[in-house]
Amino acid sequence: MKVLSQAALMSLKDHIAEYGRPLEVAYFAHLIGESTVDPILQELGKFQNADGGFGHGLEPDFWLPASSPMATSMAFRLLTGLPVDAAQPMIQRGMDYYEATFQTRSQ
């Protein structure tokens, strides 16, 4: 298994701090054991809309401020990798968004 040297890890940390959004900075800090999930949830919450979905450029290639299934799925992808309970309000609100916007094909 390949591992980063301490120097490479610190270089990566500096690069993320300089060029990353606060969400990526918080996520990386958690990945390397320097932080809890709380700063990630705080930063991720900035992308969540009143309807429970996510938008506001959470996916950097998709800048729509309104909630979208794509941005919401990106939020859930981030949350899946974290030690958070499914009862976490952010998750519940996201699920409410999915339920409210789900459309079935009419027969």
PDB file of N, CA and C in Angstrom:
ATOM      1  N   MET A   1       0.835  -1.170   0.000  1.00  0.00           N
ATOM      2  CA  MET A   1       0.000   0.000   0.000  1.00  0.00           C
ATOM      3  C   MET A   1       0.887   1.243   0.000  1.00  0.00           C
ATOM      4  N   LYS A   2       0.563   2.182  -0.887  1.00  0.00           N
ATOM      5  CA  LYS A   2       1.314   3.427  -0.939  1.00  0.00           C
ATOM      6  C   LYS A   2       0.731   4.415   0.063  1.00  0.00           C
ATOM      7  N   VAL A   3       1.616   5.164   0.697  1.00  0.00           N
ATOM      8  CA  VAL A   3       1.186   6.198   1.636  1.00  0.00           C
ATOM      9  C   VAL A   3       1.922   7.494   1.305  1.00  0.00           C
ATOM     10  N   LEU A   4       1.273   8.599   1.604  1.00  0.00           N
ATOM     11  CA  LEU A   4       1.901   9.896   1.398  1.00  0.00           C
ATOM     12  C   LEU A   4       2.925  10.155   2.490  1.00  0.00           C
ATOM     13  N   SER A   5       3.997  10.791   2.105  1.00  0.00           N
ATOM     14  CA  SER A   5       4.948  11.232   3.115  1.00  0.00           C
ATOM     15  C   SER A   5       4.312  12.382   3.890  1.00  0.00           C
ATOM     16  N   GLN A   6       4.847  12.662   5.049  1.00  0.00           N
ATOM     17  CA  GLN A   6       4.334  13.774   5.857  1.00  0.00           C
ATOM     18  C   GLN A   6       4.465  15.086   5.090  1.00  0.00           C
ATOM     19  N   ALA A   7       5.560  15.250   4.353  1.00  0.00           N
ATOM     20  CA  ALA A   7       5.767  16.476   3.577  1.00  0.00           C
ATOM     21  C   ALA A   7       4.717  16.601   2.475  1.00  0.00           C
ATOM     22  N   ALA A   8       4.418  15.492   1.804  1.00  0.00           N
ATOM     23  CA  ALA A   8       3.405  15.518   0.748  1.00  0.00           C
ATOM     24  C   ALA A   8       2.022  15.802   1.321  1.00  0.00           C
ATOM     25  N   LEU A   9       1.734  15.222   2.469  1.00  0.00           N
ATOM     26  CA  LEU A   9       0.451  15.458   3.123  1.00  0.00           C
ATOM     27  C   LEU A   9       0.308  16.932   3.508  1.00  0.00           C
ATOM     28  N   MET A  10       1.349  17.522   4.050  1.00  0.00           N
ATOM     29  CA  MET A  10       1.297  18.937   4.431  1.00  0.00           C
ATOM     30  C   MET A  10       1.196  19.831   3.198  1.00  0.00           C
ATOM     31  N   SER A  11       1.838  19.450   2.116  1.00  0.00           N
ATOM     32  CA  SER A  11       1.727  20.197   0.863  1.00  0.00           C
ATOM     33  C   SER A  11       0.296  20.147   0.335  1.00  0.00           C
ATOM     34  N   LEU A  12      -0.306  18.976   0.408  1.00  0.00           N
ATOM     35  CA  LEU A  12      -1.696  18.817  -0.014  1.00  0.00           C
ATOM     36  C   LEU A  12      -2.618  19.643   0.877  1.00  0.00           C
ATOM     37  N   LYS A  13      -2.386  19.615   2.171  1.00  0.00           N
ATOM     38  CA  LYS A  13      -3.184  20.395   3.106  1.00  0.00           C
ATOM     39  C   LYS A  13      -3.082  21.888   2.787  1.00  0.00           C
ATOM     40  N   ASP A  14      -1.887  22.367   2.507  1.00  0.00           N
ATOM     41  CA  ASP A  14      -1.692  23.776   2.153  1.00  0.00           C
ATOM     42  C   ASP A  14      -2.416  24.123   0.860  1.00  0.00           C
ATOM     43  N   HIS A  15      -2.352  23.227  -0.114  1.00  0.00           N
ATOM     44  CA  HIS A  15      -3.012  23.459  -1.402  1.00  0.00           C
ATOM     45  C   HIS A  15      -4.537  23.539  -1.222  1.00  0.00           C
ATOM     46  N   ILE A  16      -5.088  22.634  -0.450  1.00  0.00           N
ATOM     47  CA  ILE A  16      -6.537  22.649  -0.204  1.00  0.00           C
ATOM     48  C   ILE A  16      -6.928  23.907   0.570  1.00  0.00           C
ATOM     49  N   ALA A  17      -6.119  24.298   1.536  1.00  0.00           N
ATOM     50  CA  ALA A  17      -6.411  25.508   2.307  1.00  0.00           C
ATOM     51  C   ALA A  17      -6.404  26.751   1.417  1.00  0.00           C
ATOM     52  N   GLU A  18      -5.503  26.772   0.440  1.00  0.00           N
ATOM     53  CA  GLU A  18      -5.401  27.938  -0.444  1.00  0.00           C
ATOM     54  C   GLU A  18      -6.464  27.964  -1.533  1.00  0.00           C
ATOM     55  N   TYR A  19      -6.764  26.807  -2.115  1.00  0.00           N
ATOM     56  CA  TYR A  19      -7.638  26.775  -3.287  1.00  0.00           C
ATOM     57  C   TYR A  19      -9.008  26.145  -3.051  1.00  0.00           C
ATOM     58  N   GLY A  20      -9.174  25.418  -1.977  1.00  0.00           N
ATOM     59  CA  GLY A  20     -10.436  24.744  -1.714  1.00  0.00           C
ATOM     60  C   GLY A  20     -11.458  25.663  -1.077  1.00  0.00           C
ATOM     61  N   ARG A  21     -12.696  25.251  -1.166  1.00  0.00           N
ATOM     62  CA  ARG A  21     -13.763  25.967  -0.474  1.00  0.00           C
ATOM     63  C   ARG A  21     -13.728  25.554   0.999  1.00  0.00           C
ATOM     64  N   PRO A  22     -14.364  26.317   1.872  1.00  0.00           N
ATOM     65  CA  PRO A  22     -14.387  25.932   3.293  1.00  0.00           C
ATOM     66  C   PRO A  22     -14.904  24.506   3.513  1.00  0.00           C
ATOM     67  N   LEU A  23     -15.817  24.046   2.660  1.00  0.00           N
ATOM     68  CA  LEU A  23     -16.308  22.672   2.787  1.00  0.00           C
ATOM     69  C   LEU A  23     -15.189  21.666   2.577  1.00  0.00           C
ATOM     70  N   GLU A  24     -14.383  21.850   1.541  1.00  0.00           N
ATOM     71  CA  GLU A  24     -13.278  20.918   1.282  1.00  0.00           C
ATOM     72  C   GLU A  24     -12.215  20.997   2.376  1.00  0.00           C
ATOM     73  N   VAL A  25     -11.973  22.207   2.875  1.00  0.00           N
ATOM     74  CA  VAL A  25     -11.001  22.369   3.956  1.00  0.00           C
ATOM     75  C   VAL A  25     -11.465  21.596   5.190  1.00  0.00           C
ATOM     76  N   ALA A  26     -12.740  21.736   5.541  1.00  0.00           N
ATOM     77  CA  ALA A  26     -13.288  21.030   6.703  1.00  0.00           C
ATOM     78  C   ALA A  26     -13.266  19.519   6.486  1.00  0.00           C
ATOM     79  N   TYR A  27     -13.615  19.075   5.276  1.00  0.00           N
ATOM     80  CA  TYR A  27     -13.650  17.642   4.988  1.00  0.00           C
ATOM     81  C   TYR A  27     -12.246  17.037   5.078  1.00  0.00           C
ATOM     82  N   PHE A  28     -11.272  17.738   4.507  1.00  0.00           N
ATOM     83  CA  PHE A  28      -9.904  17.233   4.551  1.00  0.00           C
ATOM     84  C   PHE A  28      -9.386  17.180   5.982  1.00  0.00           C
ATOM     85  N   ALA A  29      -9.696  18.221   6.774  1.00  0.00           N
ATOM     86  CA  ALA A  29      -9.262  18.229   8.182  1.00  0.00           C
ATOM     87  C   ALA A  29      -9.821  17.017   8.920  1.00  0.00           C
ATOM     88  N   HIS A  30     -11.059  16.661   8.607  1.00  0.00           N
ATOM     89  CA  HIS A  30     -11.644  15.469   9.235  1.00  0.00           C
ATOM     90  C   HIS A  30     -10.940  14.199   8.747  1.00  0.00           C
ATOM     91  N   LEU A  31     -10.670  14.126   7.454  1.00  0.00           N
ATOM     92  CA  LEU A  31     -10.018  12.930   6.896  1.00  0.00           C
ATOM     93  C   LEU A  31      -8.655  12.658   7.520  1.00  0.00           C
ATOM     94  N   ILE A  32      -7.932  13.714   7.843  1.00  0.00           N
ATOM     95  CA  ILE A  32      -6.596  13.508   8.421  1.00  0.00           C
ATOM     96  C   ILE A  32      -6.616  13.553   9.949  1.00  0.00           C
ATOM     97  N   GLY A  33      -7.810  13.519  10.519  1.00  0.00           N
ATOM     98  CA  GLY A  33      -7.952  13.407  11.965  1.00  0.00           C
ATOM     99  C   GLY A  33      -7.751  14.685  12.749  1.00  0.00           C
ATOM    100  N   GLU A  34      -7.848  15.825  12.085  1.00  0.00           N
ATOM    101  CA  GLU A  34      -7.644  17.095  12.774  1.00  0.00           C
ATOM    102  C   GLU A  34      -8.948  17.769  13.194  1.00  0.00           C
ATOM    103  N   SER A  35     -10.088  17.174  12.850  1.00  0.00           N
ATOM    104  CA  SER A  35     -11.352  17.823  13.159  1.00  0.00           C
ATOM    105  C   SER A  35     -12.467  16.793  13.271  1.00  0.00           C
ATOM    106  N   THR A  36     -13.542  17.220  13.886  1.00  0.00           N
ATOM    107  CA  THR A  36     -14.754  16.401  13.961  1.00  0.00           C
ATOM    108  C   THR A  36     -15.586  16.640  12.703  1.00  0.00           C
ATOM    109  N   VAL A  37     -16.753  16.029  12.641  1.00  0.00           N
ATOM    110  CA  VAL A  37     -17.648  16.242  11.494  1.00  0.00           C
ATOM    111  C   VAL A  37     -18.424  17.551  11.615  1.00  0.00           C
ATOM    112  N   ASP A  38     -18.456  18.151  12.785  1.00  0.00           N
ATOM    113  CA  ASP A  38     -19.265  19.359  12.981  1.00  0.00           C
ATOM    114  C   ASP A  38     -18.944  20.482  11.990  1.00  0.00           C
ATOM    115  N   PRO A  39     -17.670  20.823  11.741  1.00  0.00           N
ATOM    116  CA  PRO A  39     -17.405  21.868  10.749  1.00  0.00           C
ATOM    117  C   PRO A  39     -17.868  21.485   9.333  1.00  0.00           C
ATOM    118  N   ILE A  40     -17.833  20.212   9.023  1.00  0.00           N
ATOM    119  CA  ILE A  40     -18.316  19.764   7.705  1.00  0.00           C
ATOM    120  C   ILE A  40     -19.816  19.993   7.616  1.00  0.00           C
ATOM    121  N   LEU A  41     -20.539  19.597   8.651  1.00  0.00           N
ATOM    122  CA  LEU A  41     -21.987  19.788   8.645  1.00  0.00           C
ATOM    123  C   LEU A  41     -22.342  21.269   8.585  1.00  0.00           C
ATOM    124  N   GLN A  42     -21.583  22.088   9.276  1.00  0.00           N
ATOM    125  CA  GLN A  42     -21.825  23.528   9.247  1.00  0.00           C
ATOM    126  C   GLN A  42     -21.622  24.074   7.834  1.00  0.00           C
ATOM    127  N   GLU A  43     -20.544  23.691   7.187  1.00  0.00           N
ATOM    128  CA  GLU A  43     -20.273  24.174   5.826  1.00  0.00           C
ATOM    129  C   GLU A  43     -21.266  23.592   4.823  1.00  0.00           C
ATOM    130  N   LEU A  44     -21.578  22.318   4.943  1.00  0.00           N
ATOM    131  CA  LEU A  44     -22.531  21.690   4.033  1.00  0.00           C
ATOM    132  C   LEU A  44     -23.911  22.313   4.178  1.00  0.00           C
ATOM    133  N   GLY A  45     -24.259  22.694   5.399  1.00  0.00           N
ATOM    134  CA  GLY A  45     -25.547  23.329   5.641  1.00  0.00           C
ATOM    135  C   GLY A  45     -25.731  24.625   4.868  1.00  0.00           C
ATOM    136  N   LYS A  46     -24.650  25.280   4.523  1.00  0.00           N
ATOM    137  CA  LYS A  46     -24.727  26.517   3.750  1.00  0.00           C
ATOM    138  C   LYS A  46     -25.242  26.279   2.328  1.00  0.00           C
ATOM    139  N   PHE A  47     -25.196  25.049   1.872  1.00  0.00           N
ATOM    140  CA  PHE A  47     -25.660  24.704   0.528  1.00  0.00           C
ATOM    141  C   PHE A  47     -27.100  24.196   0.529  1.00  0.00           C
ATOM    142  N   GLN A  48     -27.667  23.984   1.718  1.00  0.00           N
ATOM    143  CA  GLN A  48     -29.016  23.430   1.813  1.00  0.00           C
ATOM    144  C   GLN A  48     -30.046  24.556   1.767  1.00  0.00           C
ATOM    145  N   ASN A  49     -31.062  24.368   0.952  1.00  0.00           N
ATOM    146  CA  ASN A  49     -32.134  25.334   0.797  1.00  0.00           C
ATOM    147  C   ASN A  49     -33.276  25.060   1.767  1.00  0.00           C
ATOM    148  N   ALA A  50     -34.205  26.008   1.829  1.00  0.00           N
ATOM    149  CA  ALA A  50     -35.357  25.894   2.727  1.00  0.00           C
ATOM    150  C   ALA A  50     -36.199  24.660   2.422  1.00  0.00           C
ATOM    151  N   ASP A  51     -36.196  24.209   1.165  1.00  0.00           N
ATOM    152  CA  ASP A  51     -36.994  23.027   0.807  1.00  0.00           C
ATOM    153  C   ASP A  51     -36.310  21.715   1.181  1.00  0.00           C
ATOM    154  N   GLY A  52     -35.108  21.793   1.758  1.00  0.00           N
ATOM    155  CA  GLY A  52     -34.384  20.599   2.188  1.00  0.00           C
ATOM    156  C   GLY A  52     -33.372  20.090   1.185  1.00  0.00           C
ATOM    157  N   GLY A  53     -33.534  20.493  -0.076  1.00  0.00           N
ATOM    158  CA  GLY A  53     -32.579  20.083  -1.104  1.00  0.00           C
ATOM    159  C   GLY A  53     -31.328  20.951  -1.060  1.00  0.00           C
ATOM    160  N   PHE A  54     -30.361  20.571  -1.861  1.00  0.00           N
ATOM    161  CA  PHE A  54     -29.086  21.282  -1.896  1.00  0.00           C
ATOM    162  C   PHE A  54     -28.896  21.936  -3.259  1.00  0.00           C
ATOM    163  N   GLY A  55     -28.205  23.048  -3.248  1.00  0.00           N
ATOM    164  CA  GLY A  55     -27.903  23.796  -4.468  1.00  0.00           C
ATOM    165  C   GLY A  55     -26.714  24.708  -4.200  1.00  0.00           C
ATOM    166  N   HIS A  56     -26.765  25.901  -4.750  1.00  0.00           N
ATOM    167  CA  HIS A  56     -25.755  26.940  -4.517  1.00  0.00           C
ATOM    168  C   HIS A  56     -24.342  26.515  -4.894  1.00  0.00           C
ATOM    169  N   GLY A  57     -24.217  25.731  -5.933  1.00  0.00           N
ATOM    170  CA  GLY A  57     -22.893  25.357  -6.398  1.00  0.00           C
ATOM    171  C   GLY A  57     -22.202  24.292  -5.570  1.00  0.00           C
ATOM    172  N   LEU A  58     -22.976  23.472  -4.859  1.00  0.00           N
ATOM    173  CA  LEU A  58     -22.339  22.382  -4.113  1.00  0.00           C
ATOM    174  C   LEU A  58     -21.496  21.539  -5.057  1.00  0.00           C
ATOM    175  N   GLU A  59     -22.043  21.220  -6.201  1.00  0.00           N
ATOM    176  CA  GLU A  59     -21.274  20.565  -7.257  1.00  0.00           C
ATOM    177  C   GLU A  59     -20.649  21.699  -8.068  1.00  0.00           C
ATOM    178  N   PRO A  60     -19.328  21.848  -8.037  1.00  0.00           N
ATOM    179  CA  PRO A  60     -18.689  23.011  -8.665  1.00  0.00           C
ATOM    180  C   PRO A  60     -18.996  23.212 -10.153  1.00  0.00           C
ATOM    181  N   ASP A  61     -19.390  22.182 -10.852  1.00  0.00           N
ATOM    182  CA  ASP A  61     -19.719  22.335 -12.266  1.00  0.00           C
ATOM    183  C   ASP A  61     -21.195  22.653 -12.488  1.00  0.00           C
ATOM    184  N   PHE A  62     -21.944  22.829 -11.427  1.00  0.00           N
ATOM    185  CA  PHE A  62     -23.389  23.007 -11.512  1.00  0.00           C
ATOM    186  C   PHE A  62     -23.785  24.081 -10.503  1.00  0.00           C
ATOM    187  N   TRP A  63     -23.816  25.338 -10.938  1.00  0.00           N
ATOM    188  CA  TRP A  63     -23.929  26.480 -10.039  1.00  0.00           C
ATOM    189  C   TRP A  63     -25.353  26.909  -9.719  1.00  0.00           C
ATOM    190  N   LEU A  64     -26.345  26.185 -10.138  1.00  0.00           N
ATOM    191  CA  LEU A  64     -27.727  26.542  -9.885  1.00  0.00           C
ATOM    192  C   LEU A  64     -27.964  26.752  -8.388  1.00  0.00           C
ATOM    193  N   PRO A  65     -28.510  27.913  -7.981  1.00  0.00           N
ATOM    194  CA  PRO A  65     -28.761  28.119  -6.551  1.00  0.00           C
ATOM    195  C   PRO A  65     -29.937  27.298  -6.028  1.00  0.00           C
ATOM    196  N   ALA A  66     -30.883  26.983  -6.896  1.00  0.00           N
ATOM    197  CA  ALA A  66     -32.048  26.207  -6.475  1.00  0.00           C
ATOM    198  C   ALA A  66     -31.641  24.763  -6.174  1.00  0.00           C
ATOM    199  N   SER A  67     -32.469  24.115  -5.383  1.00  0.00           N
ATOM    200  CA  SER A  67     -32.233  22.704  -5.077  1.00  0.00           C
ATOM    201  C   SER A  67     -32.349  21.871  -6.343  1.00  0.00           C
ATOM    202  N   SER A  68     -31.544  20.832  -6.394  1.00  0.00           N
ATOM    203  CA  SER A  68     -31.625  19.896  -7.507  1.00  0.00           C
ATOM    204  C   SER A  68     -31.305  18.500  -6.995  1.00  0.00           C
ATOM    205  N   PRO A  69     -31.842  17.488  -7.656  1.00  0.00           N
ATOM    206  CA  PRO A  69     -31.495  16.125  -7.260  1.00  0.00           C
ATOM    207  C   PRO A  69     -29.990  15.860  -7.365  1.00  0.00           C
ATOM    208  N   MET A  70     -29.330  16.469  -8.367  1.00  0.00           N
ATOM    209  CA  MET A  70     -27.901  16.235  -8.542  1.00  0.00           C
ATOM    210  C   MET A  70     -27.105  16.791  -7.352  1.00  0.00           C
ATOM    211  N   ALA A  71     -27.382  18.045  -6.995  1.00  0.00           N
ATOM    212  CA  ALA A  71     -26.656  18.639  -5.871  1.00  0.00           C
ATOM    213  C   ALA A  71     -26.992  17.914  -4.569  1.00  0.00           C
ATOM    214  N   THR A  72     -28.234  17.521  -4.410  1.00  0.00           N
ATOM    215  CA  THR A  72     -28.640  16.809  -3.199  1.00  0.00           C
ATOM    216  C   THR A  72     -27.944  15.450  -3.121  1.00  0.00           C
ATOM    217  N   SER A  73     -27.788  14.798  -4.259  1.00  0.00           N
ATOM    218  CA  SER A  73     -27.079  13.512  -4.246  1.00  0.00           C
ATOM    219  C   SER A  73     -25.606  13.707  -3.904  1.00  0.00           C
ATOM    220  N   MET A  74     -25.023  14.837  -4.312  1.00  0.00           N
ATOM    221  CA  MET A  74     -23.631  15.123  -3.934  1.00  0.00           C
ATOM    222  C   MET A  74     -23.523  15.312  -2.423  1.00  0.00           C
ATOM    223  N   ALA A  75     -24.499  16.004  -1.839  1.00  0.00           N
ATOM    224  CA  ALA A  75     -24.494  16.193  -0.387  1.00  0.00           C
ATOM    225  C   ALA A  75     -24.593  14.848   0.320  1.00  0.00           C
ATOM    226  N   PHE A  76     -25.477  13.987  -0.185  1.00  0.00           N
ATOM    227  CA  PHE A  76     -25.646  12.675   0.446  1.00  0.00           C
ATOM    228  C   PHE A  76     -24.399  11.815   0.251  1.00  0.00           C
ATOM    229  N   ARG A  77     -23.716  11.989  -0.852  1.00  0.00           N
ATOM    230  CA  ARG A  77     -22.469  11.246  -1.068  1.00  0.00           C
ATOM    231  C   ARG A  77     -21.436  11.659  -0.022  1.00  0.00           C
ATOM    232  N   LEU A  78     -21.340  12.953   0.248  1.00  0.00           N
ATOM    233  CA  LEU A  78     -20.425  13.420   1.293  1.00  0.00           C
ATOM    234  C   LEU A  78     -20.837  12.890   2.661  1.00  0.00           C
ATOM    235  N   LEU A  79     -22.126  12.962   2.950  1.00  0.00           N
ATOM    236  CA  LEU A  79     -22.632  12.522   4.253  1.00  0.00           C
ATOM    237  C   LEU A  79     -22.451  11.024   4.470  1.00  0.00           C
ATOM    238  N   THR A  80     -22.539  10.250   3.398  1.00  0.00           N
ATOM    239  CA  THR A  80     -22.391   8.794   3.509  1.00  0.00           C
ATOM    240  C   THR A  80     -21.021   8.405   4.039  1.00  0.00           C
ATOM    241  N   GLY A  81     -20.006   9.195   3.747  1.00  0.00           N
ATOM    242  CA  GLY A  81     -18.661   8.892   4.202  1.00  0.00           C
ATOM    243  C   GLY A  81     -18.343   9.392   5.595  1.00  0.00           C
ATOM    244  N   LEU A  82     -19.340   9.944   6.270  1.00  0.00           N
ATOM    245  CA  LEU A  82     -19.112  10.514   7.599  1.00  0.00           C
ATOM    246  C   LEU A  82     -19.849   9.730   8.672  1.00  0.00           C
ATOM    247  N   PRO A  83     -19.344   9.776   9.892  1.00  0.00           N
ATOM    248  CA  PRO A  83     -20.040   9.107  10.991  1.00  0.00           C
ATOM    249  C   PRO A  83     -21.193   9.968  11.517  1.00  0.00           C
ATOM    250  N   VAL A  84     -22.265  10.041  10.723  1.00  0.00           N
ATOM    251  CA  VAL A  84     -23.458  10.782  11.139  1.00  0.00           C
ATOM    252  C   VAL A  84     -24.648   9.830  11.139  1.00  0.00           C
ATOM    253  N   ASP A  85     -25.558  10.093  12.043  1.00  0.00           N
ATOM    254  CA  ASP A  85     -26.754   9.276  12.185  1.00  0.00           C
ATOM    255  C   ASP A  85     -27.782   9.679  11.136  1.00  0.00           C
ATOM    256  N   ALA A  86     -28.552   8.719  10.662  1.00  0.00           N
ATOM    257  CA  ALA A  86     -29.588   8.995   9.667  1.00  0.00           C
ATOM    258  C   ALA A  86     -30.653   9.948  10.199  1.00  0.00           C
ATOM    259  N   ALA A  87     -30.747  10.086  11.512  1.00  0.00           N
ATOM    260  CA  ALA A  87     -31.720  11.007  12.101  1.00  0.00           C
ATOM    261  C   ALA A  87     -31.208  12.446  12.110  1.00  0.00           C
ATOM    262  N   GLN A  88     -30.004  12.672  11.627  1.00  0.00           N
ATOM    263  CA  GLN A  88     -29.442  14.016  11.570  1.00  0.00           C
ATOM    264  C   GLN A  88     -30.411  14.906  10.786  1.00  0.00           C
ATOM    265  N   PRO A  89     -30.783  16.071  11.309  1.00  0.00           N
ATOM    266  CA  PRO A  89     -31.777  16.922  10.643  1.00  0.00           C
ATOM    267  C   PRO A  89     -31.451  17.254   9.189  1.00  0.00           C
ATOM    268  N   MET A  90     -30.198  17.451   8.865  1.00  0.00           N
ATOM    269  CA  MET A  90     -29.827  17.757   7.487  1.00  0.00           C
ATOM    270  C   MET A  90     -30.224  16.604   6.554  1.00  0.00           C
ATOM    271  N   ILE A  91     -30.020  15.391   7.013  1.00  0.00           N
ATOM    272  CA  ILE A  91     -30.378  14.221   6.211  1.00  0.00           C
ATOM    273  C   ILE A  91     -31.888  14.103   6.092  1.00  0.00           C
ATOM    274  N   GLN A  92     -32.580  14.296   7.182  1.00  0.00           N
ATOM    275  CA  GLN A  92     -34.038  14.204   7.158  1.00  0.00           C
ATOM    276  C   GLN A  92     -34.640  15.243   6.213  1.00  0.00           C
ATOM    277  N   ARG A  93     -34.117  16.470   6.252  1.00  0.00           N
ATOM    278  CA  ARG A  93     -34.619  17.517   5.361  1.00  0.00           C
ATOM    279  C   ARG A  93     -34.315  17.170   3.901  1.00  0.00           C
ATOM    280  N   GLY A  94     -33.162  16.595   3.644  1.00  0.00           N
ATOM    281  CA  GLY A  94     -32.826  16.163   2.284  1.00  0.00           C
ATOM    282  C   GLY A  94     -33.765  15.072   1.785  1.00  0.00           C
ATOM    283  N   MET A  95     -34.096  14.147   2.665  1.00  0.00           N
ATOM    284  CA  MET A  95     -35.036  13.089   2.288  1.00  0.00           C
ATOM    285  C   MET A  95     -36.433  13.665   2.041  1.00  0.00           C
ATOM    286  N   ASP A  96     -36.823  14.657   2.838  1.00  0.00           N
ATOM    287  CA  ASP A  96     -38.104  15.324   2.608  1.00  0.00           C
ATOM    288  C   ASP A  96     -38.127  15.975   1.225  1.00  0.00           C
ATOM    289  N   TYR A  97     -37.001  16.573   0.843  1.00  0.00           N
ATOM    290  CA  TYR A  97     -36.900  17.170  -0.496  1.00  0.00           C
ATOM    291  C   TYR A  97     -37.095  16.107  -1.574  1.00  0.00           C
ATOM    292  N   TYR A  98     -36.412  14.981  -1.431  1.00  0.00           N
ATOM    293  CA  TYR A  98     -36.563  13.909  -2.420  1.00  0.00           C
ATOM    294  C   TYR A  98     -38.010  13.438  -2.508  1.00  0.00           C
ATOM    295  N   GLU A  99     -38.640  13.231  -1.375  1.00  0.00           N
ATOM    296  CA  GLU A  99     -40.037  12.773  -1.379  1.00  0.00           C
ATOM    297  C   GLU A  99     -40.965  13.797  -2.021  1.00  0.00           C
ATOM    298  N   ALA A 100     -40.745  15.077  -1.743  1.00  0.00           N
ATOM    299  CA  ALA A 100     -41.622  16.124  -2.268  1.00  0.00           C
ATOM    300  C   ALA A 100     -41.450  16.340  -3.769  1.00  0.00           C
ATOM    301  N   THR A 101     -40.280  16.026  -4.295  1.00  0.00           N
ATOM    302  CA  THR A 101     -40.028  16.308  -5.711  1.00  0.00           C
ATOM    303  C   THR A 101     -40.021  15.068  -6.596  1.00  0.00           C
ATOM    304  N   PHE A 102     -40.181  13.905  -6.006  1.00  0.00           N
ATOM    305  CA  PHE A 102     -40.177  12.677  -6.782  1.00  0.00           C
ATOM    306  C   PHE A 102     -41.398  12.636  -7.702  1.00  0.00           C
ATOM    307  N   GLN A 103     -41.163  12.340  -8.943  1.00  0.00           N
ATOM    308  CA  GLN A 103     -42.261  12.255  -9.910  1.00  0.00           C
ATOM    309  C   GLN A 103     -42.283  10.854 -10.514  1.00  0.00           C
ATOM    310  N   THR A 104     -43.453  10.274 -10.517  1.00  0.00           N
ATOM    311  CA  THR A 104     -43.588   8.970 -11.134  1.00  0.00           C
ATOM    312  C   THR A 104     -44.193   9.151 -12.534  1.00  0.00           C
ATOM    313  N   ARG A 105     -43.956   8.200 -13.376  1.00  0.00           N
ATOM    314  CA  ARG A 105     -44.554   8.234 -14.704  1.00  0.00           C
ATOM    315  C   ARG A 105     -46.031   7.862 -14.584  1.00  0.00           C
ATOM    316  N   SER A 106     -46.856   8.620 -15.262  1.00  0.00           N
ATOM    317  CA  SER A 106     -48.277   8.269 -15.258  1.00  0.00           C
ATOM    318  C   SER A 106     -48.488   7.094 -16.197  1.00  0.00           C
ATOM    319  N   GLN A 107     -49.401   6.257 -15.844  1.00  0.00           N
ATOM    320  CA  GLN A 107     -49.652   5.035 -16.609  1.00  0.00           C
ATOM    321  C   GLN A 107     -50.456   5.307 -17.858  1.00  0.00           C
TER     322      GLN A 107
END
